[in-house]
Amino acid sequence: MMLRNLELAFIRLHILYHSGKEEVFGMGLMEELARHGYTIGPGTLYPILSKMEKEHLLSCKTRTVAHKQRKYYRITAAGESLLEKMKAKIKELYMEVVEK
């Protein structure tokens, strides 16, 4: 359980990072996260995206793609601010745990 909680925190950071680089959508994020070794399904990912949107970390636009509605997410100013703060904490943790 603890491992999964930590992984979910890293997944949220990945979402912030990637949504700052380009618009992201659910299936694309699941594929990207899988490349990093995370297994996440729609039942876990979409509630995370929804919560991050409610927390004003992500903005969402809905578009029709191949006759289906697809939600695209981008990082907001609040999300960028949080990501910058977390980068410093990630670097500090990395230096302490990995570089030591």
N, C-alpha and C. Protein backbone atom coordinates (compact mmCIF):
# COMPACT_ATOMS: atom_id res chain seq x y z
N MET A 1 0.82 -1.20 0.00
CA MET A 1 0.00 0.00 0.00
C MET A 1 0.87 1.26 0.00
N MET A 2 1.91 1.28 0.81
CA MET A 2 2.78 2.45 0.87
C MET A 2 3.47 2.67 -0.47
N LEU A 3 3.92 1.60 -1.11
CA LEU A 3 4.56 1.73 -2.42
C LEU A 3 3.61 2.39 -3.41
N ARG A 4 2.38 1.95 -3.43
CA ARG A 4 1.40 2.51 -4.38
C ARG A 4 1.16 3.99 -4.10
N ASN A 5 1.07 4.37 -2.83
CA ASN A 5 0.88 5.78 -2.49
C ASN A 5 2.04 6.63 -3.00
N LEU A 6 3.26 6.12 -2.84
CA LEU A 6 4.42 6.85 -3.34
C LEU A 6 4.41 6.92 -4.87
N GLU A 7 4.05 5.81 -5.51
CA GLU A 7 3.97 5.80 -6.97
C GLU A 7 2.93 6.81 -7.46
N LEU A 8 1.80 6.91 -6.78
CA LEU A 8 0.76 7.85 -7.18
C LEU A 8 1.26 9.29 -7.08
N ALA A 9 2.08 9.58 -6.09
CA ALA A 9 2.67 10.91 -5.97
C ALA A 9 3.59 11.18 -7.16
N PHE A 10 4.40 10.20 -7.53
CA PHE A 10 5.28 10.36 -8.68
C PHE A 10 4.47 10.50 -9.97
N ILE A 11 3.38 9.76 -10.07
CA ILE A 11 2.50 9.84 -11.25
C ILE A 11 1.95 11.27 -11.38
N ARG A 12 1.53 11.85 -10.27
CA ARG A 12 1.02 13.23 -10.30
C ARG A 12 2.11 14.20 -10.79
N LEU A 13 3.33 13.98 -10.35
CA LEU A 13 4.44 14.83 -10.80
C LEU A 13 4.69 14.65 -12.30
N HIS A 14 4.62 13.42 -12.77
CA HIS A 14 4.77 13.17 -14.21
C HIS A 14 3.68 13.90 -14.98
N ILE A 15 2.45 13.85 -14.48
CA ILE A 15 1.33 14.52 -15.16
C ILE A 15 1.61 16.02 -15.24
N LEU A 16 2.02 16.61 -14.13
CA LEU A 16 2.34 18.04 -14.15
C LEU A 16 3.45 18.34 -15.16
N TYR A 17 4.49 17.54 -15.12
CA TYR A 17 5.62 17.76 -16.02
C TYR A 17 5.19 17.68 -17.49
N HIS A 18 4.55 16.57 -17.86
CA HIS A 18 4.19 16.35 -19.26
C HIS A 18 3.13 17.34 -19.74
N SER A 19 2.21 17.72 -18.87
CA SER A 19 1.17 18.68 -19.28
C SER A 19 1.76 20.08 -19.42
N GLY A 20 2.95 20.29 -18.91
CA GLY A 20 3.65 21.55 -19.11
C GLY A 20 4.39 21.59 -20.43
N LYS A 21 4.68 20.43 -20.97
CA LYS A 21 5.39 20.32 -22.25
C LYS A 21 4.43 20.37 -23.44
N GLU A 22 3.26 19.75 -23.26
CA GLU A 22 2.26 19.69 -24.33
C GLU A 22 0.92 19.27 -23.75
N GLU A 23 -0.13 19.40 -24.53
CA GLU A 23 -1.43 18.91 -24.08
C GLU A 23 -1.33 17.39 -23.92
N VAL A 24 -1.98 16.89 -22.89
CA VAL A 24 -1.97 15.44 -22.66
C VAL A 24 -3.41 14.95 -22.53
N PHE A 25 -3.60 13.67 -22.78
CA PHE A 25 -4.91 13.05 -22.62
C PHE A 25 -4.71 11.69 -21.98
N GLY A 26 -5.79 11.12 -21.46
CA GLY A 26 -5.72 9.91 -20.65
C GLY A 26 -4.92 8.76 -21.23
N MET A 27 -5.30 8.29 -22.41
CA MET A 27 -4.63 7.12 -22.98
C MET A 27 -3.16 7.42 -23.26
N GLY A 28 -2.88 8.61 -23.74
CA GLY A 28 -1.50 9.00 -23.99
C GLY A 28 -0.68 9.01 -22.71
N LEU A 29 -1.30 9.50 -21.62
CA LEU A 29 -0.61 9.50 -20.33
C LEU A 29 -0.36 8.08 -19.82
N MET A 30 -1.34 7.20 -20.00
CA MET A 30 -1.15 5.81 -19.55
C MET A 30 0.02 5.18 -20.28
N GLU A 31 0.14 5.46 -21.58
CA GLU A 31 1.26 4.91 -22.36
C GLU A 31 2.58 5.51 -21.91
N GLU A 32 2.61 6.82 -21.69
CA GLU A 32 3.83 7.48 -21.24
C GLU A 32 4.25 6.97 -19.86
N LEU A 33 3.30 6.85 -18.96
CA LEU A 33 3.61 6.36 -17.61
C LEU A 33 4.09 4.91 -17.65
N ALA A 34 3.55 4.12 -18.55
CA ALA A 34 4.00 2.73 -18.69
C ALA A 34 5.46 2.68 -19.12
N ARG A 35 5.89 3.63 -19.95
CA ARG A 35 7.29 3.69 -20.35
C ARG A 35 8.21 3.93 -19.15
N HIS A 36 7.67 4.55 -18.11
CA HIS A 36 8.43 4.81 -16.88
C HIS A 36 8.23 3.71 -15.84
N GLY A 37 7.50 2.66 -16.20
CA GLY A 37 7.33 1.53 -15.30
C GLY A 37 6.11 1.58 -14.40
N TYR A 38 5.21 2.53 -14.65
CA TYR A 38 4.00 2.64 -13.83
C TYR A 38 2.84 1.95 -14.53
N THR A 39 2.13 1.14 -13.79
CA THR A 39 0.92 0.51 -14.30
C THR A 39 -0.25 1.27 -13.73
N ILE A 40 -1.02 1.91 -14.61
CA ILE A 40 -2.16 2.70 -14.16
C ILE A 40 -3.28 2.55 -15.19
N GLY A 41 -4.46 2.29 -14.70
CA GLY A 41 -5.61 2.13 -15.57
C GLY A 41 -6.49 3.36 -15.53
N PRO A 42 -7.49 3.38 -16.39
CA PRO A 42 -8.37 4.54 -16.45
C PRO A 42 -9.12 4.81 -15.15
N GLY A 43 -9.44 3.75 -14.41
CA GLY A 43 -10.17 3.91 -13.15
C GLY A 43 -9.37 4.62 -12.08
N THR A 44 -8.07 4.64 -12.24
CA THR A 44 -7.18 5.37 -11.32
C THR A 44 -6.79 6.72 -11.91
N LEU A 45 -6.45 6.73 -13.20
CA LEU A 45 -5.93 7.95 -13.82
C LEU A 45 -6.98 9.05 -13.92
N TYR A 46 -8.18 8.73 -14.41
CA TYR A 46 -9.16 9.79 -14.64
C TYR A 46 -9.60 10.50 -13.37
N PRO A 47 -9.76 9.79 -12.25
CA PRO A 47 -10.04 10.53 -11.00
C PRO A 47 -8.88 11.44 -10.58
N ILE A 48 -7.65 11.02 -10.84
CA ILE A 48 -6.49 11.87 -10.53
C ILE A 48 -6.55 13.14 -11.38
N LEU A 49 -6.80 12.98 -12.67
CA LEU A 49 -6.88 14.14 -13.55
C LEU A 49 -8.01 15.08 -13.13
N SER A 50 -9.15 14.50 -12.79
CA SER A 50 -10.29 15.30 -12.35
C SER A 50 -9.96 16.07 -11.08
N LYS A 51 -9.32 15.41 -10.13
CA LYS A 51 -8.96 16.08 -8.88
C LYS A 51 -7.94 17.18 -9.13
N MET A 52 -6.97 16.92 -9.99
CA MET A 52 -5.96 17.93 -10.29
C MET A 52 -6.60 19.14 -10.99
N GLU A 53 -7.63 18.88 -11.79
CA GLU A 53 -8.35 19.98 -12.43
C GLU A 53 -9.12 20.79 -11.37
N LYS A 54 -9.79 20.10 -10.45
CA LYS A 54 -10.53 20.78 -9.38
C LYS A 54 -9.60 21.58 -8.47
N GLU A 55 -8.36 21.12 -8.34
CA GLU A 55 -7.36 21.83 -7.52
C GLU A 55 -6.68 22.94 -8.32
N HIS A 56 -7.12 23.15 -9.57
CA HIS A 56 -6.61 24.21 -10.45
C HIS A 56 -5.14 24.01 -10.82
N LEU A 57 -4.71 22.74 -10.83
CA LEU A 57 -3.36 22.42 -11.26
C LEU A 57 -3.33 22.14 -12.76
N LEU A 58 -4.48 21.73 -13.29
CA LEU A 58 -4.63 21.44 -14.72
C LEU A 58 -5.86 22.15 -15.25
N SER A 59 -5.81 22.54 -16.52
CA SER A 59 -7.01 23.01 -17.21
C SER A 59 -7.39 21.93 -18.23
N CYS A 60 -8.65 21.92 -18.60
CA CYS A 60 -9.14 20.86 -19.48
C CYS A 60 -9.96 21.45 -20.62
N LYS A 61 -9.72 20.92 -21.82
CA LYS A 61 -10.53 21.25 -22.99
C LYS A 61 -10.99 19.95 -23.61
N THR A 62 -12.25 19.89 -23.99
CA THR A 62 -12.81 18.68 -24.60
C THR A 62 -12.90 18.90 -26.11
N ARG A 63 -12.45 17.89 -26.85
CA ARG A 63 -12.52 17.92 -28.31
C ARG A 63 -13.05 16.59 -28.80
N THR A 64 -13.62 16.60 -29.97
CA THR A 64 -14.08 15.37 -30.60
C THR A 64 -12.97 14.83 -31.49
N VAL A 65 -12.60 13.59 -31.23
CA VAL A 65 -11.57 12.91 -32.01
C VAL A 65 -12.14 11.56 -32.43
N ALA A 66 -12.22 11.33 -33.73
CA ALA A 66 -12.78 10.08 -34.27
C ALA A 66 -14.16 9.81 -33.67
N HIS A 67 -14.99 10.83 -33.65
CA HIS A 67 -16.38 10.77 -33.17
C HIS A 67 -16.50 10.47 -31.68
N LYS A 68 -15.42 10.66 -30.93
CA LYS A 68 -15.45 10.46 -29.48
C LYS A 68 -14.95 11.72 -28.80
N GLN A 69 -15.49 11.97 -27.61
CA GLN A 69 -15.04 13.11 -26.83
C GLN A 69 -13.73 12.75 -26.13
N ARG A 70 -12.73 13.62 -26.27
CA ARG A 70 -11.45 13.40 -25.61
C ARG A 70 -11.10 14.68 -24.84
N LYS A 71 -10.68 14.49 -23.58
CA LYS A 71 -10.29 15.62 -22.75
C LYS A 71 -8.78 15.80 -22.83
N TYR A 72 -8.38 17.03 -23.11
CA TYR A 72 -6.97 17.38 -23.17
C TYR A 72 -6.64 18.28 -21.98
N TYR A 73 -5.53 18.01 -21.35
CA TYR A 73 -5.13 18.73 -20.15
C TYR A 73 -3.83 19.49 -20.38
N ARG A 74 -3.76 20.68 -19.77
CA ARG A 74 -2.54 21.49 -19.75
C ARG A 74 -2.31 21.95 -18.32
N ILE A 75 -1.06 22.17 -17.99
CA ILE A 75 -0.71 22.67 -16.67
C ILE A 75 -1.19 24.13 -16.56
N THR A 76 -1.60 24.54 -15.38
CA THR A 76 -2.00 25.92 -15.12
C THR A 76 -0.83 26.64 -14.44
N ALA A 77 -1.01 27.92 -14.19
CA ALA A 77 0.02 28.68 -13.47
C ALA A 77 0.22 28.10 -12.07
N ALA A 78 -0.86 27.71 -11.43
CA ALA A 78 -0.74 27.10 -10.09
C ALA A 78 0.00 25.77 -10.18
N GLY A 79 -0.26 25.00 -11.23
CA GLY A 79 0.44 23.74 -11.44
C GLY A 79 1.92 23.95 -11.70
N GLU A 80 2.23 24.98 -12.49
CA GLU A 80 3.63 25.29 -12.77
C GLU A 80 4.36 25.70 -11.50
N SER A 81 3.70 26.49 -10.67
CA SER A 81 4.30 26.92 -9.40
C SER A 81 4.58 25.72 -8.50
N LEU A 82 3.60 24.83 -8.40
CA LEU A 82 3.77 23.63 -7.57
C LEU A 82 4.91 22.77 -8.13
N LEU A 83 4.94 22.59 -9.44
CA LEU A 83 5.99 21.77 -10.05
C LEU A 83 7.36 22.36 -9.77
N GLU A 84 7.51 23.66 -9.86
CA GLU A 84 8.80 24.29 -9.57
C GLU A 84 9.22 24.05 -8.13
N LYS A 85 8.28 24.15 -7.20
CA LYS A 85 8.59 23.88 -5.79
C LYS A 85 9.00 22.43 -5.60
N MET A 86 8.30 21.54 -6.29
CA MET A 86 8.60 20.11 -6.15
C MET A 86 9.93 19.75 -6.80
N LYS A 87 10.32 20.45 -7.86
CA LYS A 87 11.62 20.19 -8.49
C LYS A 87 12.75 20.39 -7.48
N ALA A 88 12.65 21.44 -6.68
CA ALA A 88 13.68 21.70 -5.67
C ALA A 88 13.70 20.58 -4.64
N LYS A 89 12.52 20.12 -4.25
CA LYS A 89 12.45 19.03 -3.27
C LYS A 89 12.94 17.71 -3.86
N ILE A 90 12.63 17.48 -5.13
CA ILE A 90 13.10 16.27 -5.80
C ILE A 90 14.63 16.28 -5.88
N LYS A 91 15.17 17.43 -6.25
CA LYS A 91 16.63 17.54 -6.36
C LYS A 91 17.29 17.30 -5.01
N GLU A 92 16.73 17.90 -3.97
CA GLU A 92 17.29 17.72 -2.62
C GLU A 92 17.23 16.25 -2.20
N LEU A 93 16.10 15.60 -2.45
CA LEU A 93 15.95 14.19 -2.10
C LEU A 93 16.91 13.33 -2.91
N TYR A 94 17.03 13.62 -4.20
CA TYR A 94 17.95 12.89 -5.05
C TYR A 94 19.39 13.00 -4.53
N MET A 95 19.78 14.22 -4.20
CA MET A 95 21.14 14.43 -3.71
C MET A 95 21.37 13.66 -2.40
N GLU A 96 20.37 13.59 -1.58
CA GLU A 96 20.51 12.93 -0.28
C GLU A 96 20.46 11.40 -0.41
N VAL A 97 19.57 10.91 -1.23
CA VAL A 97 19.35 9.45 -1.31
C VAL A 97 20.23 8.79 -2.35
N VAL A 98 20.36 9.38 -3.51
CA VAL A 98 21.06 8.72 -4.62
C VAL A 98 22.54 9.10 -4.68
N GLU A 99 22.84 10.36 -4.54
CA GLU A 99 24.20 10.83 -4.70
C GLU A 99 25.08 10.60 -3.47
N LYS A 100 24.48 10.28 -2.37
CA LYS A 100 25.21 10.14 -1.11
C LYS A 100 26.17 8.98 -1.12
